[in-house]
């Protein structure tokens, strides 16, 4: 999706997190190389925490927004939770890790 819509203004920001079943145990460089093996060309940030008292401020903010709340509260349940943010910086939708990419793409197109 990034390659398809980057020229139209889509930015994908990835934040690795190791709070879910030890899925991201590697260093930043190891995670970056793994992402490259899937031809990921979006921005990949350093590993952070998304839940608990040590959660990164960005994730605290995302989860506190009216459209940032999850189905069962605002905690992040698993890696690959996604947030769609419009060009004004407003959270417009939160997606579960299992969300269909087609659904996300349809929503992204509304905001490009």
Protein backbone atom coordinates (compact mmCIF):
# COMPACT_ATOMS: atom_id res chain seq x y z
CA UNK A 1 0.00 0.00 0.00
CA UNK A 2 2.89 2.33 0.76
CA UNK A 3 4.40 1.90 -2.70
CA UNK A 4 1.00 2.35 -4.32
CA UNK A 5 -0.01 5.58 -2.56
CA UNK A 6 3.15 7.28 -1.24
CA UNK A 7 3.16 9.76 -4.11
CA UNK A 8 -0.40 10.72 -3.19
CA UNK A 9 0.59 11.50 0.39
CA UNK A 10 0.32 8.21 2.28
CA UNK A 11 2.92 7.74 4.99
CA UNK A 12 3.20 4.49 6.89
CA UNK A 13 5.04 4.60 10.19
CA UNK A 14 6.01 1.32 11.84
CA UNK A 15 6.88 1.01 15.51
CA UNK A 16 8.24 -2.41 16.49
CA UNK A 17 7.20 -3.59 19.95
CA UNK A 18 8.29 -6.64 21.90
CA UNK A 19 5.38 -6.63 24.37
CA UNK A 20 3.47 -9.35 22.50
CA UNK A 21 4.78 -12.88 22.78
CA UNK A 22 8.40 -11.82 22.22
CA UNK A 23 7.69 -11.18 18.50
CA UNK A 24 10.28 -8.42 18.12
CA UNK A 25 13.29 -9.58 20.17
CA UNK A 26 15.90 -8.32 17.73
CA UNK A 27 17.91 -5.13 17.58
CA UNK A 28 16.75 -2.22 15.47
CA UNK A 29 19.09 -3.28 12.67
CA UNK A 30 17.83 -6.89 12.76
CA UNK A 31 14.22 -5.74 12.61
CA UNK A 32 15.05 -3.35 9.76
CA UNK A 33 16.73 -6.15 7.77
CA UNK A 34 13.75 -8.44 8.35
CA UNK A 35 11.38 -5.75 7.08
CA UNK A 36 13.58 -5.24 4.02
CA UNK A 37 13.26 -8.96 3.21
CA UNK A 38 9.54 -8.22 2.64
CA UNK A 39 10.39 -5.16 0.53
CA UNK A 40 9.02 -2.84 3.22
CA UNK A 41 9.84 0.72 2.23
CA UNK A 42 7.94 2.63 4.89
CA UNK A 43 9.43 4.45 7.88
CA UNK A 44 10.55 2.04 10.59
CA UNK A 45 11.19 3.55 14.00
CA UNK A 46 13.04 2.17 17.01
CA UNK A 47 11.39 -0.41 19.21
CA UNK A 48 9.01 1.10 21.78
CA UNK A 49 6.43 0.10 24.36
CA UNK A 50 2.79 0.69 23.47
CA UNK A 51 1.10 -0.44 26.70
CA UNK A 52 1.64 0.13 30.38
CA UNK A 53 3.21 2.99 32.29
CA UNK A 54 6.27 3.02 29.99
CA UNK A 55 4.19 3.33 26.81
CA UNK A 56 5.53 5.87 24.35
CA UNK A 57 3.70 9.22 24.49
CA UNK A 58 2.58 8.88 20.87
CA UNK A 59 0.81 5.62 21.65
CA UNK A 60 -0.75 7.04 24.79
CA UNK A 61 -2.14 9.85 22.65
CA UNK A 62 -3.34 7.55 19.84
CA UNK A 63 -5.22 5.31 22.28
CA UNK A 64 -6.82 8.30 24.04
CA UNK A 65 -8.37 9.75 20.89
CA UNK A 66 -12.13 9.26 20.30
CA UNK A 67 -11.47 7.10 17.21
CA UNK A 68 -8.40 5.48 18.76
CA UNK A 69 -10.25 3.32 21.24
CA UNK A 70 -10.21 -0.43 20.68
CA UNK A 71 -13.10 -2.86 20.75
CA UNK A 72 -12.31 -3.97 24.30
CA UNK A 73 -10.78 -0.80 25.68
CA UNK A 74 -7.85 1.23 24.54
CA UNK A 75 -4.97 -1.19 25.24
CA UNK A 76 -3.10 -2.57 22.26
CA UNK A 77 -3.88 -6.29 22.11
CA UNK A 78 -1.25 -7.45 19.60
CA UNK A 79 1.37 -6.27 17.12
CA UNK A 80 0.13 -4.78 13.85
CA UNK A 81 -2.63 -2.69 15.40
CA UNK A 82 -3.01 0.21 12.97
CA UNK A 83 -4.29 3.78 13.21
CA UNK A 84 -5.44 5.89 10.26
CA UNK A 85 -4.67 9.57 10.77
CA UNK A 86 -5.95 12.22 8.40
CA UNK A 87 -3.95 15.13 6.98
CA UNK A 88 -5.05 17.32 9.89
CA UNK A 89 -3.49 14.92 12.41
CA UNK A 90 -6.78 13.47 13.65
CA UNK A 91 -7.18 9.76 14.34
CA UNK A 92 -10.05 8.67 12.09
CA UNK A 93 -9.98 4.92 12.66
CA UNK A 94 -8.24 2.13 14.52
CA UNK A 95 -7.77 -1.32 12.99
CA UNK A 96 -7.13 -4.63 14.69
CA UNK A 97 -4.08 -6.71 13.74
CA UNK A 98 -6.42 -8.96 11.74
CA UNK A 99 -8.09 -6.18 9.73
CA UNK A 100 -8.45 -6.87 6.04
CA UNK A 101 -6.00 -4.70 4.04
CA UNK A 102 -8.75 -4.10 1.46
CA UNK A 103 -10.87 -2.40 4.15
CA UNK A 104 -7.93 -0.27 5.18
CA UNK A 105 -7.15 0.69 1.58
CA UNK A 106 -10.74 1.79 0.97
CA UNK A 107 -10.56 4.02 4.05
CA UNK A 108 -7.11 5.38 3.12
CA UNK A 109 -8.42 6.49 -0.27
CA UNK A 110 -11.06 8.66 1.44
CA UNK A 111 -8.31 10.74 3.05
CA UNK A 112 -5.73 11.11 0.27
